[in-house]
Amino acid sequence: MATFRLDDRRRRSAVRRRLHLVRGSLDANLALFTDWLISVALCLALALVLPMPSMPVSLAALLSLAGFVWLGQAITRAGPPADSPHLTAWDAALLSFAASFGVQAAAHLGAFES
């Protein structure tokens, strides 16, 4: 007589397997995005200490530096930048560089002038 095993992974339906993969990917995305937000908050806190005329330039420089740190982590620890189902350190580096370029563009358009 055959026994019914609850932990048999082969008997899981395709939908449950897909949901399990999506949930794991969402957890990984949330973890990486949280780490990136913490690095941006640190850059912003360091830039806010400086006087207002130099704040946009220093914030853009700090965000670029954070981008290079994320890029270094991506090169040494992460795999190739393509074919990943979730966010990687490559994406965090691109987000940091994009934030830096956004701050530079906002400063050029006069968003930080009082």
PDB file of N, CA and C in Angstrom:
ATOM      1  N   MET A   1       0.824  -1.162   0.000  1.00  0.00           N
ATOM      2  CA  MET A   1       0.000   0.000   0.000  1.00  0.00           C
ATOM      3  C   MET A   1       0.879   1.240   0.000  1.00  0.00           C
ATOM      4  N   ALA A   2       0.562   2.210  -0.840  1.00  0.00           N
ATOM      5  CA  ALA A   2       1.346   3.437  -0.961  1.00  0.00           C
ATOM      6  C   ALA A   2       1.022   4.384   0.190  1.00  0.00           C
ATOM      7  N   THR A   3       2.047   5.080   0.660  1.00  0.00           N
ATOM      8  CA  THR A   3       1.841   6.048   1.732  1.00  0.00           C
ATOM      9  C   THR A   3       1.795   7.463   1.158  1.00  0.00           C
ATOM     10  N   PHE A   4       1.104   8.328   1.841  1.00  0.00           N
ATOM     11  CA  PHE A   4       0.978   9.723   1.422  1.00  0.00           C
ATOM     12  C   PHE A   4       1.945  10.556   2.253  1.00  0.00           C
ATOM     13  N   ARG A   5       2.913  11.162   1.593  1.00  0.00           N
ATOM     14  CA  ARG A   5       3.917  11.965   2.283  1.00  0.00           C
ATOM     15  C   ARG A   5       3.627  13.438   2.057  1.00  0.00           C
ATOM     16  N   LEU A   6       3.503  14.194   3.128  1.00  0.00           N
ATOM     17  CA  LEU A   6       3.200  15.616   3.021  1.00  0.00           C
ATOM     18  C   LEU A   6       4.395  16.438   2.552  1.00  0.00           C
ATOM     19  N   ASP A   7       5.591  15.983   2.800  1.00  0.00           N
ATOM     20  CA  ASP A   7       6.763  16.753   2.434  1.00  0.00           C
ATOM     21  C   ASP A   7       7.316  16.387   1.051  1.00  0.00           C
ATOM     22  N   ASP A   8       6.582  15.647   0.272  1.00  0.00           N
ATOM     23  CA  ASP A   8       7.037  15.250  -1.060  1.00  0.00           C
ATOM     24  C   ASP A   8       6.943  16.451  -2.004  1.00  0.00           C
ATOM     25  N   ARG A   9       8.084  16.945  -2.463  1.00  0.00           N
ATOM     26  CA  ARG A   9       8.132  18.130  -3.299  1.00  0.00           C
ATOM     27  C   ARG A   9       7.667  17.838  -4.734  1.00  0.00           C
ATOM     28  N   ARG A  10       7.753  16.623  -5.132  1.00  0.00           N
ATOM     29  CA  ARG A  10       7.342  16.293  -6.504  1.00  0.00           C
ATOM     30  C   ARG A  10       5.840  16.410  -6.681  1.00  0.00           C
ATOM     31  N   ARG A  11       5.084  16.310  -5.628  1.00  0.00           N
ATOM     32  CA  ARG A  11       3.632  16.338  -5.719  1.00  0.00           C
ATOM     33  C   ARG A  11       3.052  17.747  -5.618  1.00  0.00           C
ATOM     34  N   ARG A  12       3.895  18.729  -5.403  1.00  0.00           N
ATOM     35  CA  ARG A  12       3.400  20.107  -5.353  1.00  0.00           C
ATOM     36  C   ARG A  12       2.885  20.518  -6.719  1.00  0.00           C
ATOM     37  N   SER A  13       1.843  21.275  -6.697  1.00  0.00           N
ATOM     38  CA  SER A  13       1.301  21.729  -7.981  1.00  0.00           C
ATOM     39  C   SER A  13       2.201  22.799  -8.578  1.00  0.00           C
ATOM     40  N   ALA A  14       2.045  23.018  -9.853  1.00  0.00           N
ATOM     41  CA  ALA A  14       2.859  24.015 -10.545  1.00  0.00           C
ATOM     42  C   ALA A  14       2.570  25.418 -10.027  1.00  0.00           C
ATOM     43  N   VAL A  15       1.349  25.675  -9.649  1.00  0.00           N
ATOM     44  CA  VAL A  15       0.983  26.999  -9.136  1.00  0.00           C
ATOM     45  C   VAL A  15       1.666  27.264  -7.804  1.00  0.00           C
ATOM     46  N   ARG A  16       1.669  26.286  -6.938  1.00  0.00           N
ATOM     47  CA  ARG A  16       2.328  26.461  -5.635  1.00  0.00           C
ATOM     48  C   ARG A  16       3.824  26.635  -5.798  1.00  0.00           C
ATOM     49  N   ARG A  17       4.432  25.910  -6.735  1.00  0.00           N
ATOM     50  CA  ARG A  17       5.866  26.088  -6.976  1.00  0.00           C
ATOM     51  C   ARG A  17       6.162  27.491  -7.471  1.00  0.00           C
ATOM     52  N   ARG A  18       5.330  27.982  -8.391  1.00  0.00           N
ATOM     53  CA  ARG A  18       5.511  29.324  -8.934  1.00  0.00           C
ATOM     54  C   ARG A  18       5.346  30.382  -7.844  1.00  0.00           C
ATOM     55  N   LEU A  19       4.341  30.211  -6.986  1.00  0.00           N
ATOM     56  CA  LEU A  19       4.136  31.155  -5.884  1.00  0.00           C
ATOM     57  C   LEU A  19       5.307  31.148  -4.909  1.00  0.00           C
ATOM     58  N   HIS A  20       5.876  29.977  -4.680  1.00  0.00           N
ATOM     59  CA  HIS A  20       7.030  29.877  -3.798  1.00  0.00           C
ATOM     60  C   HIS A  20       8.219  30.632  -4.394  1.00  0.00           C
ATOM     61  N   LEU A  21       8.440  30.516  -5.685  1.00  0.00           N
ATOM     62  CA  LEU A  21       9.535  31.230  -6.340  1.00  0.00           C
ATOM     63  C   LEU A  21       9.301  32.735  -6.313  1.00  0.00           C
ATOM     64  N   VAL A  22       8.064  33.162  -6.535  1.00  0.00           N
ATOM     65  CA  VAL A  22       7.757  34.591  -6.527  1.00  0.00           C
ATOM     66  C   VAL A  22       7.932  35.159  -5.123  1.00  0.00           C
ATOM     67  N   ARG A  23       7.495  34.435  -4.104  1.00  0.00           N
ATOM     68  CA  ARG A  23       7.632  34.907  -2.728  1.00  0.00           C
ATOM     69  C   ARG A  23       9.103  35.042  -2.356  1.00  0.00           C
ATOM     70  N   GLY A  24       9.926  34.094  -2.743  1.00  0.00           N
ATOM     71  CA  GLY A  24      11.357  34.185  -2.472  1.00  0.00           C
ATOM     72  C   GLY A  24      11.996  35.348  -3.201  1.00  0.00           C
ATOM     73  N   SER A  25      11.553  35.586  -4.424  1.00  0.00           N
ATOM     74  CA  SER A  25      12.074  36.708  -5.192  1.00  0.00           C
ATOM     75  C   SER A  25      11.664  38.033  -4.572  1.00  0.00           C
ATOM     76  N   LEU A  26      10.419  38.121  -4.090  1.00  0.00           N
ATOM     77  CA  LEU A  26       9.962  39.354  -3.448  1.00  0.00           C
ATOM     78  C   LEU A  26      10.719  39.626  -2.161  1.00  0.00           C
ATOM     79  N   ASP A  27      11.017  38.584  -1.400  1.00  0.00           N
ATOM     80  CA  ASP A  27      11.798  38.756  -0.180  1.00  0.00           C
ATOM     81  C   ASP A  27      13.201  39.250  -0.500  1.00  0.00           C
ATOM     82  N   ALA A  28      13.812  38.700  -1.534  1.00  0.00           N
ATOM     83  CA  ALA A  28      15.150  39.135  -1.933  1.00  0.00           C
ATOM     84  C   ALA A  28      15.116  40.573  -2.441  1.00  0.00           C
ATOM     85  N   ASN A  29      14.081  40.923  -3.213  1.00  0.00           N
ATOM     86  CA  ASN A  29      13.954  42.296  -3.703  1.00  0.00           C
ATOM     87  C   ASN A  29      13.790  43.272  -2.548  1.00  0.00           C
ATOM     88  N   LEU A  30      12.961  42.926  -1.570  1.00  0.00           N
ATOM     89  CA  LEU A  30      12.732  43.803  -0.431  1.00  0.00           C
ATOM     90  C   LEU A  30      14.005  43.978   0.388  1.00  0.00           C
ATOM     91  N   ALA A  31      14.762  42.921   0.574  1.00  0.00           N
ATOM     92  CA  ALA A  31      16.000  43.007   1.350  1.00  0.00           C
ATOM     93  C   ALA A  31      17.017  43.906   0.661  1.00  0.00           C
ATOM     94  N   LEU A  32      17.191  43.725  -0.637  1.00  0.00           N
ATOM     95  CA  LEU A  32      18.166  44.541  -1.353  1.00  0.00           C
ATOM     96  C   LEU A  32      17.710  45.995  -1.429  1.00  0.00           C
ATOM     97  N   PHE A  33      16.424  46.225  -1.680  1.00  0.00           N
ATOM     98  CA  PHE A  33      15.928  47.586  -1.770  1.00  0.00           C
ATOM     99  C   PHE A  33      16.040  48.289  -0.419  1.00  0.00           C
ATOM    100  N   THR A  34      15.818  47.567   0.675  1.00  0.00           N
ATOM    101  CA  THR A  34      15.988  48.139   2.008  1.00  0.00           C
ATOM    102  C   THR A  34      17.443  48.509   2.260  1.00  0.00           C
ATOM    103  N   ASP A  35      18.370  47.642   1.877  1.00  0.00           N
ATOM    104  CA  ASP A  35      19.792  47.950   2.027  1.00  0.00           C
ATOM    105  C   ASP A  35      20.179  49.173   1.203  1.00  0.00           C
ATOM    106  N   TRP A  36      19.628  49.281  -0.005  1.00  0.00           N
ATOM    107  CA  TRP A  36      19.932  50.437  -0.848  1.00  0.00           C
ATOM    108  C   TRP A  36      19.364  51.714  -0.234  1.00  0.00           C
ATOM    109  N   LEU A  37      18.141  51.649   0.298  1.00  0.00           N
ATOM    110  CA  LEU A  37      17.550  52.822   0.941  1.00  0.00           C
ATOM    111  C   LEU A  37      18.346  53.251   2.166  1.00  0.00           C
ATOM    112  N   ILE A  38      18.895  52.316   2.898  1.00  0.00           N
ATOM    113  CA  ILE A  38      19.727  52.653   4.052  1.00  0.00           C
ATOM    114  C   ILE A  38      20.987  53.376   3.595  1.00  0.00           C
ATOM    115  N   SER A  39      21.602  52.921   2.500  1.00  0.00           N
ATOM    116  CA  SER A  39      22.800  53.600   2.005  1.00  0.00           C
ATOM    117  C   SER A  39      22.471  54.997   1.495  1.00  0.00           C
ATOM    118  N   VAL A  40      21.309  55.177   0.857  1.00  0.00           N
ATOM    119  CA  VAL A  40      20.900  56.503   0.397  1.00  0.00           C
ATOM    120  C   VAL A  40      20.609  57.407   1.588  1.00  0.00           C
ATOM    121  N   ALA A  41      19.969  56.878   2.625  1.00  0.00           N
ATOM    122  CA  ALA A  41      19.689  57.670   3.825  1.00  0.00           C
ATOM    123  C   ALA A  41      20.981  58.108   4.503  1.00  0.00           C
ATOM    124  N   LEU A  42      21.977  57.251   4.513  1.00  0.00           N
ATOM    125  CA  LEU A  42      23.273  57.613   5.081  1.00  0.00           C
ATOM    126  C   LEU A  42      23.929  58.730   4.265  1.00  0.00           C
ATOM    127  N   CYS A  43      23.861  58.626   2.944  1.00  0.00           N
ATOM    128  CA  CYS A  43      24.410  59.682   2.081  1.00  0.00           C
ATOM    129  C   CYS A  43      23.681  61.000   2.315  1.00  0.00           C
ATOM    130  N   LEU A  44      22.372  60.939   2.432  1.00  0.00           N
ATOM    131  CA  LEU A  44      21.576  62.139   2.663  1.00  0.00           C
ATOM    132  C   LEU A  44      21.883  62.742   4.031  1.00  0.00           C
ATOM    133  N   ALA A  45      22.043  61.926   5.044  1.00  0.00           N
ATOM    134  CA  ALA A  45      22.368  62.432   6.381  1.00  0.00           C
ATOM    135  C   ALA A  45      23.740  63.104   6.396  1.00  0.00           C
ATOM    136  N   LEU A  46      24.705  62.520   5.696  1.00  0.00           N
ATOM    137  CA  LEU A  46      26.032  63.133   5.630  1.00  0.00           C
ATOM    138  C   LEU A  46      26.004  64.441   4.850  1.00  0.00           C
ATOM    139  N   ALA A  47      25.208  64.511   3.816  1.00  0.00           N
ATOM    140  CA  ALA A  47      25.150  65.723   3.000  1.00  0.00           C
ATOM    141  C   ALA A  47      24.385  66.836   3.707  1.00  0.00           C
ATOM    142  N   LEU A  48      23.418  66.499   4.544  1.00  0.00           N
ATOM    143  CA  LEU A  48      22.636  67.523   5.234  1.00  0.00           C
ATOM    144  C   LEU A  48      23.434  68.248   6.309  1.00  0.00           C
ATOM    145  N   VAL A  49      24.529  67.668   6.748  1.00  0.00           N
ATOM    146  CA  VAL A  49      25.383  68.304   7.742  1.00  0.00           C
ATOM    147  C   VAL A  49      26.132  69.487   7.127  1.00  0.00           C
ATOM    148  N   LEU A  50      26.404  69.434   5.850  1.00  0.00           N
ATOM    149  CA  LEU A  50      27.179  70.464   5.164  1.00  0.00           C
ATOM    150  C   LEU A  50      26.331  71.699   4.894  1.00  0.00           C
ATOM    151  N   PRO A  51      26.978  72.838   4.651  1.00  0.00           N
ATOM    152  CA  PRO A  51      26.213  74.048   4.325  1.00  0.00           C
ATOM    153  C   PRO A  51      25.446  73.895   3.009  1.00  0.00           C
ATOM    154  N   MET A  52      24.382  74.672   2.861  1.00  0.00           N
ATOM    155  CA  MET A  52      23.457  74.523   1.739  1.00  0.00           C
ATOM    156  C   MET A  52      24.101  74.692   0.362  1.00  0.00           C
ATOM    157  N   PRO A  53      24.998  75.650   0.142  1.00  0.00           N
ATOM    158  CA  PRO A  53      25.549  75.771  -1.224  1.00  0.00           C
ATOM    159  C   PRO A  53      26.318  74.537  -1.709  1.00  0.00           C
ATOM    160  N   SER A  54      26.946  73.825  -0.784  1.00  0.00           N
ATOM    161  CA  SER A  54      27.723  72.654  -1.201  1.00  0.00           C
ATOM    162  C   SER A  54      26.958  71.342  -1.036  1.00  0.00           C
ATOM    163  N   MET A  55      25.738  71.387  -0.511  1.00  0.00           N
ATOM    164  CA  MET A  55      24.984  70.171  -0.244  1.00  0.00           C
ATOM    165  C   MET A  55      24.640  69.378  -1.506  1.00  0.00           C
ATOM    166  N   PRO A  56      24.121  69.981  -2.597  1.00  0.00           N
ATOM    167  CA  PRO A  56      23.783  69.169  -3.775  1.00  0.00           C
ATOM    168  C   PRO A  56      24.993  68.482  -4.403  1.00  0.00           C
ATOM    169  N   VAL A  57      26.104  69.198  -4.446  1.00  0.00           N
ATOM    170  CA  VAL A  57      27.314  68.617  -5.041  1.00  0.00           C
ATOM    171  C   VAL A  57      27.815  67.457  -4.190  1.00  0.00           C
ATOM    172  N   SER A  58      27.820  67.662  -2.868  1.00  0.00           N
ATOM    173  CA  SER A  58      28.301  66.587  -1.994  1.00  0.00           C
ATOM    174  C   SER A  58      27.336  65.397  -1.985  1.00  0.00           C
ATOM    175  N   LEU A  59      26.030  65.664  -2.056  1.00  0.00           N
ATOM    176  CA  LEU A  59      25.065  64.566  -2.108  1.00  0.00           C
ATOM    177  C   LEU A  59      25.240  63.753  -3.391  1.00  0.00           C
ATOM    178  N   ALA A  60      25.430  64.434  -4.512  1.00  0.00           N
ATOM    179  CA  ALA A  60      25.659  63.718  -5.773  1.00  0.00           C
ATOM    180  C   ALA A  60      26.950  62.909  -5.709  1.00  0.00           C
ATOM    181  N   ALA A  61      27.991  63.481  -5.104  1.00  0.00           N
ATOM    182  CA  ALA A  61      29.257  62.754  -4.975  1.00  0.00           C
ATOM    183  C   ALA A  61      29.104  61.541  -4.062  1.00  0.00           C
ATOM    184  N   LEU A  62      28.392  61.710  -2.956  1.00  0.00           N
ATOM    185  CA  LEU A  62      28.193  60.581  -2.037  1.00  0.00           C
ATOM    186  C   LEU A  62      27.356  59.479  -2.675  1.00  0.00           C
ATOM    187  N   LEU A  63      26.339  59.857  -3.442  1.00  0.00           N
ATOM    188  CA  LEU A  63      25.536  58.841  -4.127  1.00  0.00           C
ATOM    189  C   LEU A  63      26.356  58.121  -5.194  1.00  0.00           C
ATOM    190  N   SER A  64      27.225  58.851  -5.882  1.00  0.00           N
ATOM    191  CA  SER A  64      28.113  58.196  -6.856  1.00  0.00           C
ATOM    192  C   SER A  64      29.069  57.248  -6.154  1.00  0.00           C
ATOM    193  N   LEU A  65      29.595  57.682  -5.001  1.00  0.00           N
ATOM    194  CA  LEU A  65      30.482  56.812  -4.230  1.00  0.00           C
ATOM    195  C   LEU A  65      29.742  55.558  -3.766  1.00  0.00           C
ATOM    196  N   ALA A  66      28.489  55.729  -3.327  1.00  0.00           N
ATOM    197  CA  ALA A  66      27.681  54.567  -2.945  1.00  0.00           C
ATOM    198  C   ALA A  66      27.458  53.655  -4.151  1.00  0.00           C
ATOM    199  N   GLY A  67      27.268  54.250  -5.328  1.00  0.00           N
ATOM    200  CA  GLY A  67      27.126  53.448  -6.546  1.00  0.00           C
ATOM    201  C   GLY A  67      28.366  52.623  -6.831  1.00  0.00           C
ATOM    202  N   PHE A  68      29.540  53.234  -6.609  1.00  0.00           N
ATOM    203  CA  PHE A  68      30.778  52.490  -6.837  1.00  0.00           C
ATOM    204  C   PHE A  68      30.972  51.389  -5.798  1.00  0.00           C
ATOM    205  N   VAL A  69      30.520  51.634  -4.573  1.00  0.00           N
ATOM    206  CA  VAL A  69      30.586  50.585  -3.548  1.00  0.00           C
ATOM    207  C   VAL A  69      29.675  49.421  -3.925  1.00  0.00           C
ATOM    208  N   TRP A  70      28.444  49.733  -4.364  1.00  0.00           N
ATOM    209  CA  TRP A  70      27.531  48.674  -4.807  1.00  0.00           C
ATOM    210  C   TRP A  70      28.095  47.952  -6.029  1.00  0.00           C
ATOM    211  N   LEU A  71      28.747  48.706  -6.911  1.00  0.00           N
ATOM    212  CA  LEU A  71      29.344  48.083  -8.096  1.00  0.00           C
ATOM    213  C   LEU A  71      30.477  47.144  -7.706  1.00  0.00           C
ATOM    214  N   GLY A  72      31.278  47.556  -6.736  1.00  0.00           N
ATOM    215  CA  GLY A  72      32.339  46.679  -6.235  1.00  0.00           C
ATOM    216  C   GLY A  72      31.785  45.413  -5.616  1.00  0.00           C
ATOM    217  N   GLN A  73      30.690  45.550  -4.877  1.00  0.00           N
ATOM    218  CA  GLN A  73      30.054  44.368  -4.295  1.00  0.00           C
ATOM    219  C   GLN A  73      29.482  43.475  -5.391  1.00  0.00           C
ATOM    220  N   ALA A  74      28.932  44.099  -6.428  1.00  0.00           N
ATOM    221  CA  ALA A  74      28.366  43.300  -7.519  1.00  0.00           C
ATOM    222  C   ALA A  74      29.456  42.540  -8.257  1.00  0.00           C
ATOM    223  N   ILE A  75      30.587  43.163  -8.450  1.00  0.00           N
ATOM    224  CA  ILE A  75      31.676  42.496  -9.175  1.00  0.00           C
ATOM    225  C   ILE A  75      32.259  41.347  -8.360  1.00  0.00           C
ATOM    226  N   THR A  76      32.418  41.559  -7.055  1.00  0.00           N
ATOM    227  CA  THR A  76      33.070  40.537  -6.239  1.00  0.00           C
ATOM    228  C   THR A  76      32.137  39.433  -5.759  1.00  0.00           C
ATOM    229  N   ARG A  77      30.850  39.765  -5.488  1.00  0.00           N
ATOM    230  CA  ARG A  77      29.969  38.767  -4.886  1.00  0.00           C
ATOM    231  C   ARG A  77      28.849  38.286  -5.791  1.00  0.00           C
ATOM    232  N   ALA A  78      28.259  39.182  -6.525  1.00  0.00           N
ATOM    233  CA  ALA A  78      27.093  38.806  -7.323  1.00  0.00           C
ATOM    234  C   ALA A  78      27.528  38.097  -8.598  1.00  0.00           C
ATOM    235  N   GLY A  79      26.600  37.443  -9.196  1.00  0.00           N
ATOM    236  CA  GLY A  79      26.863  36.764 -10.452  1.00  0.00           C
ATOM    237  C   GLY A  79      26.742  37.728 -11.619  1.00  0.00           C
ATOM    238  N   PRO A  80      26.546  37.206 -12.797  1.00  0.00           N
ATOM    239  CA  PRO A  80      26.377  38.074 -13.952  1.00  0.00           C
ATOM    240  C   PRO A  80      25.106  38.908 -13.823  1.00  0.00           C
ATOM    241  N   PRO A  81      25.082  40.094 -14.442  1.00  0.00           N
ATOM    242  CA  PRO A  81      23.941  40.989 -14.245  1.00  0.00           C
ATOM    243  C   PRO A  81      22.660  40.553 -14.940  1.00  0.00           C
ATOM    244  N   ALA A  82      22.726  39.619 -15.836  1.00  0.00           N
ATOM    245  CA  ALA A  82      21.533  39.206 -16.582  1.00  0.00           C
ATOM    246  C   ALA A  82      20.962  37.912 -16.002  1.00  0.00           C
ATOM    247  N   ASP A  83      19.714  37.631 -16.353  1.00  0.00           N
ATOM    248  CA  ASP A  83      19.031  36.371 -16.022  1.00  0.00           C
ATOM    249  C   ASP A  83      18.851  36.147 -14.524  1.00  0.00           C
ATOM    250  N   SER A  84      18.600  37.207 -13.782  1.00  0.00           N
ATOM    251  CA  SER A  84      18.321  37.059 -12.367  1.00  0.00           C
ATOM    252  C   SER A  84      16.847  37.372 -12.130  1.00  0.00           C
ATOM    253  N   PRO A  85      16.144  36.524 -11.408  1.00  0.00           N
ATOM    254  CA  PRO A  85      14.715  36.770 -11.191  1.00  0.00           C
ATOM    255  C   PRO A  85      14.439  37.853 -10.148  1.00  0.00           C
ATOM    256  N   HIS A  86      15.470  38.321  -9.456  1.00  0.00           N
ATOM    257  CA  HIS A  86      15.275  39.343  -8.428  1.00  0.00           C
ATOM    258  C   HIS A  86      16.352  40.414  -8.549  1.00  0.00           C
ATOM    259  N   LEU A  87      16.227  41.461  -7.756  1.00  0.00           N
ATOM    260  CA  LEU A  87      17.206  42.547  -7.775  1.00  0.00           C
ATOM    261  C   LEU A  87      18.549  42.053  -7.254  1.00  0.00           C
ATOM    262  N   THR A  88      19.604  42.567  -7.845  1.00  0.00           N
ATOM    263  CA  THR A  88      20.952  42.205  -7.414  1.00  0.00           C
ATOM    264  C   THR A  88      21.709  43.479  -7.070  1.00  0.00           C
ATOM    265  N   ALA A  89      22.956  43.320  -6.686  1.00  0.00           N
ATOM    266  CA  ALA A  89      23.794  44.482  -6.384  1.00  0.00           C
ATOM    267  C   ALA A  89      24.032  45.325  -7.633  1.00  0.00           C
ATOM    268  N   TRP A  90      23.948  44.714  -8.818  1.00  0.00           N
ATOM    269  CA  TRP A  90      24.060  45.485 -10.064  1.00  0.00           C
ATOM    270  C   TRP A  90      22.932  46.509 -10.141  1.00  0.00           C
ATOM    271  N   ASP A  91      21.730  46.091  -9.777  1.00  0.00           N
ATOM    272  CA  ASP A  91      20.584  46.997  -9.809  1.00  0.00           C
ATOM    273  C   ASP A  91      20.726  48.104  -8.771  1.00  0.00           C
ATOM    274  N   ALA A  92      21.248  47.779  -7.596  1.00  0.00           N
ATOM    275  CA  ALA A  92      21.455  48.797  -6.570  1.00  0.00           C
ATOM    276  C   ALA A  92      22.490  49.820  -7.025  1.00  0.00           C
ATOM    277  N   ALA A  93      23.533  49.364  -7.714  1.00  0.00           N
ATOM    278  CA  ALA A  93      24.528  50.303  -8.248  1.00  0.00           C
ATOM    279  C   ALA A  93      23.896  51.228  -9.282  1.00  0.00           C
ATOM    280  N   LEU A  94      23.072  50.672 -10.155  1.00  0.00           N
ATOM    281  CA  LEU A  94      22.399  51.508 -11.149  1.00  0.00           C
ATOM    282  C   LEU A  94      21.437  52.489 -10.488  1.00  0.00           C
ATOM    283  N   LEU A  95      20.734  52.068  -9.446  1.00  0.00           N
ATOM    284  CA  LEU A  95      19.849  52.968  -8.728  1.00  0.00           C
ATOM    285  C   LEU A  95      20.623  54.112  -8.075  1.00  0.00           C
ATOM    286  N   SER A  96      21.791  53.808  -7.515  1.00  0.00           N
ATOM    287  CA  SER A  96      22.609  54.853  -6.891  1.00  0.00           C
ATOM    288  C   SER A  96      23.119  55.846  -7.921  1.00  0.00           C
ATOM    289  N   PHE A  97      23.581  55.341  -9.063  1.00  0.00           N
ATOM    290  CA  PHE A  97      24.054  56.246 -10.114  1.00  0.00           C
ATOM    291  C   PHE A  97      22.904  57.085 -10.665  1.00  0.00           C
ATOM    292  N   ALA A  98      21.729  56.495 -10.815  1.00  0.00           N
ATOM    293  CA  ALA A  98      20.573  57.244 -11.301  1.00  0.00           C
ATOM    294  C   ALA A  98      20.158  58.319 -10.298  1.00  0.00           C
ATOM    295  N   ALA A  99      20.211  58.013  -9.013  1.00  0.00           N
ATOM    296  CA  ALA A  99      19.898  59.016  -7.993  1.00  0.00           C
ATOM    297  C   ALA A  99      20.923  60.147  -8.017  1.00  0.00           C
ATOM    298  N   SER A 100      22.179  59.804  -8.222  1.00  0.00           N
ATOM    299  CA  SER A 100      23.216  60.834  -8.319  1.00  0.00           C
ATOM    300  C   SER A 100      22.990  61.747  -9.525  1.00  0.00           C
ATOM    301  N   PHE A 101      22.678  61.156 -10.647  1.00  0.00           N
ATOM    302  CA  PHE A 101      22.400  61.970 -11.843  1.00  0.00           C
ATOM    303  C   PHE A 101      21.140  62.800 -11.655  1.00  0.00           C
ATOM    304  N   GLY A 102      20.162  62.270 -10.948  1.00  0.00           N
ATOM    305  CA  GLY A 102      18.946  63.024 -10.661  1.00  0.00           C
ATOM    306  C   GLY A 102      19.215  64.226  -9.768  1.00  0.00           C
ATOM    307  N   VAL A 103      20.068  64.066  -8.762  1.00  0.00           N
ATOM    308  CA  VAL A 103      20.433  65.185  -7.896  1.00  0.00           C
ATOM    309  C   VAL A 103      21.215  66.230  -8.693  1.00  0.00           C
ATOM    310  N   GLN A 104      22.110  65.778  -9.564  1.00  0.00           N
ATOM    311  CA  GLN A 104      22.869  66.722 -10.394  1.00  0.00           C
ATOM    312  C   GLN A 104      21.944  67.493 -11.320  1.00  0.00           C
ATOM    313  N   ALA A 105      20.969  66.831 -11.907  1.00  0.00           N
ATOM    314  CA  ALA A 105      20.031  67.505 -12.799  1.00  0.00           C
ATOM    315  C   ALA A 105      19.151  68.491 -12.030  1.00  0.00           C
ATOM    316  N   ALA A 106      18.706  68.095 -10.845  1.00  0.00           N
ATOM    317  CA  ALA A 106      17.891  68.993 -10.029  1.00  0.00           C
ATOM    318  C   ALA A 106      18.698  70.208  -9.597  1.00  0.00           C
ATOM    319  N   ALA A 107      19.968  70.013  -9.267  1.00  0.00           N
ATOM    320  CA  ALA A 107      20.811  71.149  -8.891  1.00  0.00           C
ATOM    321  C   ALA A 107      21.040  72.071 -10.082  1.00  0.00           C
ATOM    322  N   HIS A 108      21.205  71.494 -11.263  1.00  0.00           N
ATOM    323  CA  HIS A 108      21.390  72.301 -12.465  1.00  0.00           C
ATOM    324  C   HIS A 108      20.138  73.107 -12.797  1.00  0.00           C
ATOM    325  N   LEU A 109      18.975  72.557 -12.503  1.00  0.00           N
ATOM    326  CA  LEU A 109      17.718  73.263 -12.777  1.00  0.00           C
ATOM    327  C   LEU A 109      17.347  74.251 -11.666  1.00  0.00           C
ATOM    328  N   GLY A 110      18.130  74.284 -10.587  1.00  0.00           N
ATOM    329  CA  GLY A 110      17.909  75.257  -9.538  1.00  0.00           C
ATOM    330  C   GLY A 110      16.940  74.813  -8.466  1.00  0.00           C
ATOM    331  N   ALA A 111      16.783  73.539  -8.252  1.00  0.00           N
ATOM    332  CA  ALA A 111      15.840  73.045  -7.245  1.00  0.00           C
ATOM    333  C   ALA A 111      16.321  73.271  -5.823  1.00  0.00           C
ATOM    334  N   PHE A 112      17.619  73.448  -5.622  1.00  0.00           N
ATOM    335  CA  PHE A 112      18.164  73.589  -4.276  1.00  0.00           C
ATOM    336  C   PHE A 112      18.434  75.041  -3.892  1.00  0.00           C
ATOM    337  N   GLU A 113      18.140  75.958  -4.764  1.00  0.00           N
ATOM    338  CA  GLU A 113      18.380  77.366  -4.457  1.00  0.00           C
ATOM    339  C   GLU A 113      17.245  77.913  -3.599  1.00  0.00           C
ATOM    340  N   SER A 114      17.614  78.819  -2.671  1.00  0.00           N
ATOM    341  CA  SER A 114      16.562  79.377  -1.826  1.00  0.00           C
ATOM    342  C   SER A 114      16.143  80.757  -2.258  1.00  0.00           C
TER     343      SER A 114
END
